[in-house]
Structures are given as C-alpha cells and as structure tokens.
Amino acid sequence: MSLQSEPESVCVCRVSKMACGSDGVTYPTICELNEEAARRGKPDKFNPQLLMKYWGPCKEGTVAENIFDNGKSLEKF
C-alpha cells in the first residue's frame, strides 16, 4: 500500500504592494503574509491568527525579507 501526499499548492501573487501584518511585521506582498499565516497553522490562544492590518509598511515593527540563495528562497525575519 503506497501513501500519496497531496500536491503542494502554488500561489501566483498578482499584487506587489507591501502589507502590514497583525504581528507588526511588514511583508513584501500579501502573498508572503498569507504564506506565513498558513505556515503558522491553526490559530489558538497561544498562536493568534495572522491578518493584514493595512496596505503599506507597518508604522513600527520589523520587515520580513526574502533572501535568494542559488535560486532557493530563504526567509529572514
């Protein structure tokens, strides 16, 4: 019996504006904010839901960066 995993979803981001997340982090795109929200998993009292507060950089907080190394995306916060 072989187990097959579900294919990975692919997101094509059509919006290139920065987004401020509810965690105070500025994400380069809404897609990257959504990827981080999915990576965090189901929200609970110790892991609050990540939402977009508004378009543009956060007034305070940090910036999420994508660093590319040999064609592979490495996330840095």
N, C-alpha and C. Protein backbone atom coordinates (compact mmCIF):
# COMPACT_ATOMS: atom_id res chain seq x y z
N MET A 1 0.84 -1.18 0.00
CA MET A 1 0.00 0.00 0.00
C MET A 1 0.89 1.24 0.00
N SER A 2 0.69 2.11 -0.94
CA SER A 2 1.50 3.32 -1.01
C SER A 2 0.67 4.52 -0.56
N LEU A 3 1.34 5.40 0.15
CA LEU A 3 0.69 6.63 0.60
C LEU A 3 1.10 7.76 -0.32
N GLN A 4 0.12 8.47 -0.84
CA GLN A 4 0.41 9.60 -1.70
C GLN A 4 0.09 10.88 -0.94
N SER A 5 1.02 11.79 -1.00
CA SER A 5 0.76 13.08 -0.36
C SER A 5 0.03 13.99 -1.34
N GLU A 6 -0.68 14.94 -0.78
CA GLU A 6 -1.41 15.88 -1.62
C GLU A 6 -0.41 16.81 -2.30
N PRO A 7 -0.70 17.21 -3.54
CA PRO A 7 0.22 18.13 -4.21
C PRO A 7 0.26 19.48 -3.50
N GLU A 8 1.42 20.11 -3.53
CA GLU A 8 1.59 21.40 -2.89
C GLU A 8 0.88 22.47 -3.71
N SER A 9 0.19 23.37 -3.03
CA SER A 9 -0.48 24.47 -3.70
C SER A 9 0.54 25.50 -4.15
N VAL A 10 0.28 26.12 -5.27
CA VAL A 10 1.15 27.15 -5.80
C VAL A 10 0.36 28.45 -5.87
N CYS A 11 0.92 29.49 -5.30
CA CYS A 11 0.28 30.80 -5.30
C CYS A 11 1.02 31.71 -6.26
N VAL A 12 0.29 32.35 -7.14
CA VAL A 12 0.86 33.35 -8.03
C VAL A 12 0.35 34.70 -7.53
N CYS A 13 1.26 35.48 -7.00
CA CYS A 13 0.87 36.77 -6.43
C CYS A 13 0.80 37.82 -7.52
N ARG A 14 -0.34 38.44 -7.64
CA ARG A 14 -0.54 39.47 -8.67
C ARG A 14 -0.49 40.88 -8.08
N VAL A 15 -0.29 40.96 -6.78
CA VAL A 15 -0.23 42.26 -6.11
C VAL A 15 1.17 42.43 -5.55
N SER A 16 1.82 43.51 -5.88
CA SER A 16 3.20 43.70 -5.44
C SER A 16 3.34 44.79 -4.37
N LYS A 17 2.24 45.08 -3.67
CA LYS A 17 2.28 46.09 -2.61
C LYS A 17 2.64 45.45 -1.28
N MET A 18 3.33 46.21 -0.43
CA MET A 18 3.64 45.74 0.92
C MET A 18 2.36 45.67 1.74
N ALA A 19 2.38 44.81 2.75
CA ALA A 19 1.23 44.66 3.64
C ALA A 19 1.73 44.61 5.07
N CYS A 20 1.03 45.31 5.95
CA CYS A 20 1.35 45.28 7.38
C CYS A 20 0.52 44.20 8.04
N GLY A 21 1.20 43.25 8.68
CA GLY A 21 0.52 42.15 9.35
C GLY A 21 0.12 42.50 10.77
N SER A 22 -0.84 41.77 11.28
CA SER A 22 -1.31 41.99 12.65
C SER A 22 -0.22 41.67 13.67
N ASP A 23 0.88 41.03 13.22
CA ASP A 23 2.01 40.74 14.10
C ASP A 23 3.03 41.87 14.12
N GLY A 24 2.73 42.99 13.41
CA GLY A 24 3.64 44.13 13.38
C GLY A 24 4.77 43.98 12.39
N VAL A 25 4.72 42.95 11.54
CA VAL A 25 5.76 42.71 10.54
C VAL A 25 5.27 43.23 9.19
N THR A 26 6.15 43.92 8.47
CA THR A 26 5.85 44.36 7.11
C THR A 26 6.23 43.24 6.15
N TYR A 27 5.27 42.76 5.38
CA TYR A 27 5.50 41.71 4.40
C TYR A 27 5.62 42.34 3.02
N PRO A 28 6.59 41.88 2.19
CA PRO A 28 6.77 42.45 0.85
C PRO A 28 5.52 42.37 -0.02
N THR A 29 4.71 41.32 0.18
CA THR A 29 3.46 41.16 -0.58
C THR A 29 2.42 40.50 0.32
N ILE A 30 1.16 40.63 -0.06
CA ILE A 30 0.08 39.95 0.67
C ILE A 30 0.25 38.44 0.58
N CYS A 31 0.83 37.96 -0.52
CA CYS A 31 1.05 36.53 -0.67
C CYS A 31 2.01 36.00 0.39
N GLU A 32 3.06 36.75 0.66
CA GLU A 32 4.01 36.31 1.68
C GLU A 32 3.38 36.34 3.07
N LEU A 33 2.51 37.30 3.31
CA LEU A 33 1.77 37.32 4.57
C LEU A 33 0.88 36.08 4.66
N ASN A 34 0.19 35.74 3.58
CA ASN A 34 -0.67 34.55 3.58
C ASN A 34 0.14 33.27 3.76
N GLU A 35 1.32 33.20 3.15
CA GLU A 35 2.19 32.03 3.32
C GLU A 35 2.59 31.87 4.78
N GLU A 36 2.94 32.97 5.43
CA GLU A 36 3.32 32.92 6.85
C GLU A 36 2.13 32.50 7.70
N ALA A 37 0.95 33.02 7.40
CA ALA A 37 -0.25 32.62 8.15
C ALA A 37 -0.50 31.13 8.00
N ALA A 38 -0.32 30.59 6.81
CA ALA A 38 -0.53 29.16 6.58
C ALA A 38 0.55 28.34 7.29
N ARG A 39 1.79 28.83 7.28
CA ARG A 39 2.89 28.13 7.94
C ARG A 39 2.64 28.01 9.45
N ARG A 40 2.04 29.05 10.03
CA ARG A 40 1.79 29.05 11.47
C ARG A 40 0.71 28.05 11.88
N GLY A 41 -0.13 27.67 10.96
CA GLY A 41 -1.16 26.69 11.27
C GLY A 41 -2.39 27.30 11.91
N LYS A 42 -3.19 26.40 12.46
CA LYS A 42 -4.47 26.80 13.05
C LYS A 42 -4.26 27.73 14.25
N PRO A 43 -4.94 28.88 14.25
CA PRO A 43 -4.78 29.80 15.38
C PRO A 43 -5.41 29.27 16.67
N ASP A 44 -4.81 29.64 17.77
CA ASP A 44 -5.37 29.33 19.09
C ASP A 44 -4.93 30.44 20.05
N LYS A 45 -5.12 30.26 21.33
CA LYS A 45 -4.80 31.34 22.27
C LYS A 45 -3.29 31.61 22.37
N PHE A 46 -2.45 30.65 21.99
CA PHE A 46 -1.01 30.85 22.01
C PHE A 46 -0.46 31.23 20.63
N ASN A 47 -1.27 31.07 19.60
CA ASN A 47 -0.87 31.33 18.21
C ASN A 47 -1.99 32.13 17.55
N PRO A 48 -2.02 33.45 17.76
CA PRO A 48 -3.13 34.25 17.21
C PRO A 48 -3.13 34.25 15.68
N GLN A 49 -4.30 34.43 15.12
CA GLN A 49 -4.45 34.46 13.67
C GLN A 49 -3.70 35.66 13.09
N LEU A 50 -2.97 35.41 12.02
CA LEU A 50 -2.24 36.48 11.34
C LEU A 50 -3.14 37.05 10.26
N LEU A 51 -3.39 38.35 10.35
CA LEU A 51 -4.24 39.06 9.39
C LEU A 51 -3.50 40.28 8.86
N MET A 52 -3.98 40.81 7.76
CA MET A 52 -3.43 42.06 7.24
C MET A 52 -4.13 43.21 7.95
N LYS A 53 -3.34 44.13 8.53
CA LYS A 53 -3.92 45.32 9.17
C LYS A 53 -4.23 46.37 8.12
N TYR A 54 -3.28 46.62 7.22
CA TYR A 54 -3.48 47.61 6.17
C TYR A 54 -2.39 47.46 5.11
N TRP A 55 -2.64 48.07 3.95
CA TRP A 55 -1.65 48.08 2.87
C TRP A 55 -0.52 49.03 3.23
N GLY A 56 0.69 48.67 2.89
CA GLY A 56 1.85 49.51 3.13
C GLY A 56 2.66 48.99 4.31
N PRO A 57 3.83 49.61 4.53
CA PRO A 57 4.68 49.16 5.63
C PRO A 57 4.07 49.49 6.99
N CYS A 58 4.38 48.65 7.97
CA CYS A 58 3.92 48.90 9.33
C CYS A 58 4.60 50.16 9.87
N LYS A 59 3.89 50.89 10.66
CA LYS A 59 4.45 52.11 11.25
C LYS A 59 5.60 51.77 12.20
N GLU A 60 5.46 50.67 12.92
CA GLU A 60 6.50 50.17 13.83
C GLU A 60 6.60 48.67 13.61
N GLY A 61 7.72 48.10 13.92
CA GLY A 61 7.87 46.66 13.78
C GLY A 61 9.04 46.31 12.89
N THR A 62 9.01 45.10 12.35
CA THR A 62 10.11 44.61 11.53
C THR A 62 9.65 44.36 10.10
N VAL A 63 10.62 44.14 9.23
CA VAL A 63 10.33 43.88 7.84
C VAL A 63 10.73 42.43 7.53
N ALA A 64 9.81 41.68 6.94
CA ALA A 64 10.12 40.32 6.50
C ALA A 64 10.82 40.43 5.16
N GLU A 65 11.96 39.75 5.03
CA GLU A 65 12.72 39.80 3.79
C GLU A 65 12.84 38.40 3.21
N ASN A 66 12.86 38.34 1.91
CA ASN A 66 13.19 37.10 1.23
C ASN A 66 14.60 37.24 0.71
N ILE A 67 15.44 36.29 1.04
CA ILE A 67 16.81 36.27 0.55
C ILE A 67 16.94 35.08 -0.38
N PHE A 68 17.44 35.31 -1.57
CA PHE A 68 17.57 34.24 -2.53
C PHE A 68 19.01 33.75 -2.55
N ASP A 69 19.17 32.44 -2.38
CA ASP A 69 20.48 31.82 -2.38
C ASP A 69 20.45 30.66 -3.36
N ASN A 70 21.16 30.79 -4.47
CA ASN A 70 21.18 29.76 -5.51
C ASN A 70 19.79 29.39 -5.98
N GLY A 71 18.93 30.41 -6.13
CA GLY A 71 17.59 30.17 -6.64
C GLY A 71 16.60 29.69 -5.61
N LYS A 72 17.06 29.46 -4.36
CA LYS A 72 16.16 28.99 -3.31
C LYS A 72 15.83 30.17 -2.41
N SER A 73 14.57 30.29 -2.07
CA SER A 73 14.13 31.38 -1.22
C SER A 73 14.35 31.02 0.25
N LEU A 74 15.08 31.85 0.95
CA LEU A 74 15.31 31.67 2.38
C LEU A 74 14.66 32.85 3.08
N GLU A 75 13.71 32.59 3.95
CA GLU A 75 13.02 33.68 4.63
C GLU A 75 13.82 34.15 5.82
N LYS A 76 13.85 35.45 5.99
CA LYS A 76 14.56 36.05 7.12
C LYS A 76 13.63 37.07 7.76
N PHE A 77 13.51 37.04 9.06
CA PHE A 77 12.67 37.99 9.77
C PHE A 77 13.52 38.80 10.71
